[in-house]
């Protein structure tokens, strides 16, 4: 097999087919979360954040989401999930919140 752009293909006739060879795999670091969406649930005063990770290289243990109040709170809150979405409830009324892009814990 030969590797062209990360895709294994059958070797052309008369070329390397057996024995030793080198193959470079994709990197071992997962890609960053992409296509982040936010849905507000008025009945529970909560939001659902969801995202996709196109390159799941390695084993993703958890995603961490950090957020804080822009208006007055000095500290931030950090939540974690093993899924690619999280519901965050008990949000303070009338406050502007800023969310950081989800980060990964992986091996």
C-alpha atoms as a PDB file:
ATOM      1  CA  UNK A   1       0.000   0.000   0.000  1.00  0.00           C
ATOM      2  CA  UNK A   2       1.133   3.534  -0.559  1.00  0.00           C
ATOM      3  CA  UNK A   3       0.074   6.705   1.179  1.00  0.00           C
ATOM      4  CA  UNK A   4      -1.124   9.664  -0.874  1.00  0.00           C
ATOM      5  CA  UNK A   5      -2.420  12.580   1.138  1.00  0.00           C
ATOM      6  CA  UNK A   6      -3.278  10.373   4.105  1.00  0.00           C
ATOM      7  CA  UNK A   7      -5.179   7.815   1.978  1.00  0.00           C
ATOM      8  CA  UNK A   8      -3.865   4.255   1.537  1.00  0.00           C
ATOM      9  CA  UNK A   9      -3.968   3.084  -2.071  1.00  0.00           C
ATOM     10  CA  UNK A  10      -2.892  -0.124  -3.780  1.00  0.00           C
ATOM     11  CA  UNK A  11       0.701   0.151  -5.020  1.00  0.00           C
ATOM     12  CA  UNK A  12       1.132   0.570  -8.765  1.00  0.00           C
ATOM     13  CA  UNK A  13       2.259  -2.526 -10.632  1.00  0.00           C
ATOM     14  CA  UNK A  14       5.997  -3.180 -10.380  1.00  0.00           C
ATOM     15  CA  UNK A  15       6.494  -1.027  -7.267  1.00  0.00           C
ATOM     16  CA  UNK A  16       6.905  -1.699  -3.543  1.00  0.00           C
ATOM     17  CA  UNK A  17       4.383  -4.297  -2.365  1.00  0.00           C
ATOM     18  CA  UNK A  18       6.121  -6.272   0.391  1.00  0.00           C
ATOM     19  CA  UNK A  19       8.719  -5.840   3.098  1.00  0.00           C
ATOM     20  CA  UNK A  20       9.466  -2.705   5.057  1.00  0.00           C
ATOM     21  CA  UNK A  21       7.992   0.663   4.342  1.00  0.00           C
ATOM     22  CA  UNK A  22       7.139   3.914   6.040  1.00  0.00           C
ATOM     23  CA  UNK A  23       3.692   5.338   6.489  1.00  0.00           C
ATOM     24  CA  UNK A  24       3.017   8.700   8.078  1.00  0.00           C
ATOM     25  CA  UNK A  25      -0.283   8.834   9.919  1.00  0.00           C
ATOM     26  CA  UNK A  26      -2.269  11.912  10.769  1.00  0.00           C
ATOM     27  CA  UNK A  27      -1.140  13.776  13.871  1.00  0.00           C
ATOM     28  CA  UNK A  28      -2.008  12.498  17.325  1.00  0.00           C
ATOM     29  CA  UNK A  29      -3.516  15.786  18.515  1.00  0.00           C
ATOM     30  CA  UNK A  30      -7.291  16.130  18.109  1.00  0.00           C
ATOM     31  CA  UNK A  31      -8.605  18.963  16.008  1.00  0.00           C
ATOM     32  CA  UNK A  32     -10.252  21.921  17.689  1.00  0.00           C
ATOM     33  CA  UNK A  33     -14.038  21.970  18.185  1.00  0.00           C
ATOM     34  CA  UNK A  34     -15.783  23.513  15.167  1.00  0.00           C
ATOM     35  CA  UNK A  35     -19.270  24.574  14.104  1.00  0.00           C
ATOM     36  CA  UNK A  36     -20.232  25.617  17.632  1.00  0.00           C
ATOM     37  CA  UNK A  37     -23.955  26.240  18.041  1.00  0.00           C
ATOM     38  CA  UNK A  38     -25.901  27.795  20.909  1.00  0.00           C
ATOM     39  CA  UNK A  39     -29.573  27.177  21.641  1.00  0.00           C
ATOM     40  CA  UNK A  40     -31.400  29.152  24.345  1.00  0.00           C
ATOM     41  CA  UNK A  41     -34.130  27.366  26.299  1.00  0.00           C
ATOM     42  CA  UNK A  42     -36.314  30.103  27.787  1.00  0.00           C
ATOM     43  CA  UNK A  43     -38.473  27.721  29.827  1.00  0.00           C
ATOM     44  CA  UNK A  44     -35.427  26.577  31.856  1.00  0.00           C
ATOM     45  CA  UNK A  45     -33.267  29.717  31.469  1.00  0.00           C
ATOM     46  CA  UNK A  46     -30.475  27.562  30.104  1.00  0.00           C
ATOM     47  CA  UNK A  47     -28.453  27.108  26.940  1.00  0.00           C
ATOM     48  CA  UNK A  48     -27.208  24.108  25.031  1.00  0.00           C
ATOM     49  CA  UNK A  49     -23.745  24.413  23.488  1.00  0.00           C
ATOM     50  CA  UNK A  50     -22.866  21.828  20.848  1.00  0.00           C
ATOM     51  CA  UNK A  51     -19.935  21.347  18.465  1.00  0.00           C
ATOM     52  CA  UNK A  52     -18.209  18.853  16.215  1.00  0.00           C
ATOM     53  CA  UNK A  53     -14.612  17.679  16.129  1.00  0.00           C
ATOM     54  CA  UNK A  54     -13.653  16.612  12.616  1.00  0.00           C
ATOM     55  CA  UNK A  55     -10.215  15.194  13.544  1.00  0.00           C
ATOM     56  CA  UNK A  56     -10.634  12.931  16.573  1.00  0.00           C
ATOM     57  CA  UNK A  57      -7.002  11.825  16.694  1.00  0.00           C
ATOM     58  CA  UNK A  58      -6.128  10.359  20.076  1.00  0.00           C
ATOM     59  CA  UNK A  59      -8.603   9.596  22.854  1.00  0.00           C
ATOM     60  CA  UNK A  60     -10.660  12.587  23.967  1.00  0.00           C
ATOM     61  CA  UNK A  61     -11.312  12.308  27.718  1.00  0.00           C
ATOM     62  CA  UNK A  62     -13.395  15.438  28.150  1.00  0.00           C
ATOM     63  CA  UNK A  63     -14.266  18.885  26.867  1.00  0.00           C
ATOM     64  CA  UNK A  64     -13.966  21.863  29.213  1.00  0.00           C
ATOM     65  CA  UNK A  65     -16.127  24.954  28.827  1.00  0.00           C
ATOM     66  CA  UNK A  66     -15.260  28.134  30.700  1.00  0.00           C
ATOM     67  CA  UNK A  67     -17.599  31.094  31.021  1.00  0.00           C
ATOM     68  CA  UNK A  68     -17.894  34.294  33.008  1.00  0.00           C
ATOM     69  CA  UNK A  69     -20.157  37.299  33.459  1.00  0.00           C
ATOM     70  CA  UNK A  70     -19.022  40.335  31.488  1.00  0.00           C
ATOM     71  CA  UNK A  71     -21.058  42.630  33.753  1.00  0.00           C
ATOM     72  CA  UNK A  72     -19.749  42.114  37.255  1.00  0.00           C
ATOM     73  CA  UNK A  73     -18.524  38.688  38.360  1.00  0.00           C
ATOM     74  CA  UNK A  74     -14.761  38.583  38.888  1.00  0.00           C
ATOM     75  CA  UNK A  75     -14.424  34.784  38.573  1.00  0.00           C
ATOM     76  CA  UNK A  76     -15.202  32.270  35.896  1.00  0.00           C
ATOM     77  CA  UNK A  77     -16.932  28.894  35.968  1.00  0.00           C
ATOM     78  CA  UNK A  78     -15.600  25.774  34.284  1.00  0.00           C
ATOM     79  CA  UNK A  79     -17.757  22.805  33.329  1.00  0.00           C
ATOM     80  CA  UNK A  80     -16.750  19.546  31.693  1.00  0.00           C
ATOM     81  CA  UNK A  81     -18.467  16.891  29.597  1.00  0.00           C
ATOM     82  CA  UNK A  82     -17.479  13.762  27.697  1.00  0.00           C
ATOM     83  CA  UNK A  83     -20.108  14.479  25.037  1.00  0.00           C
ATOM     84  CA  UNK A  84     -19.913  17.041  22.239  1.00  0.00           C
ATOM     85  CA  UNK A  85     -22.700  19.093  23.812  1.00  0.00           C
ATOM     86  CA  UNK A  86     -23.594  20.448  27.218  1.00  0.00           C
ATOM     87  CA  UNK A  87     -26.637  22.084  28.776  1.00  0.00           C
ATOM     88  CA  UNK A  88     -25.821  24.947  31.125  1.00  0.00           C
ATOM     89  CA  UNK A  89     -28.636  25.948  33.446  1.00  0.00           C
ATOM     90  CA  UNK A  90     -29.304  28.364  36.303  1.00  0.00           C
ATOM     91  CA  UNK A  91     -27.963  31.265  34.273  1.00  0.00           C
ATOM     92  CA  UNK A  92     -28.160  34.650  36.018  1.00  0.00           C
ATOM     93  CA  UNK A  93     -31.019  36.817  34.750  1.00  0.00           C
ATOM     94  CA  UNK A  94     -30.129  40.019  32.908  1.00  0.00           C
ATOM     95  CA  UNK A  95     -26.376  39.321  32.713  1.00  0.00           C
ATOM     96  CA  UNK A  96     -24.116  39.119  29.674  1.00  0.00           C
ATOM     97  CA  UNK A  97     -22.063  35.929  29.685  1.00  0.00           C
ATOM     98  CA  UNK A  98     -18.956  35.187  27.650  1.00  0.00           C
ATOM     99  CA  UNK A  99     -18.095  31.582  26.779  1.00  0.00           C
ATOM    100  CA  UNK A 100     -14.674  30.344  25.757  1.00  0.00           C
ATOM    101  CA  UNK A 101     -14.373  27.847  22.924  1.00  0.00           C
ATOM    102  CA  UNK A 102     -14.461  24.287  24.355  1.00  0.00           C
ATOM    103  CA  UNK A 103     -11.004  22.877  25.093  1.00  0.00           C
ATOM    104  CA  UNK A 104      -9.965  19.222  25.037  1.00  0.00           C
ATOM    105  CA  UNK A 105      -8.374  16.829  27.490  1.00  0.00           C
ATOM    106  CA  UNK A 106      -6.919  13.921  25.505  1.00  0.00           C
ATOM    107  CA  UNK A 107      -4.251  11.233  25.348  1.00  0.00           C
END
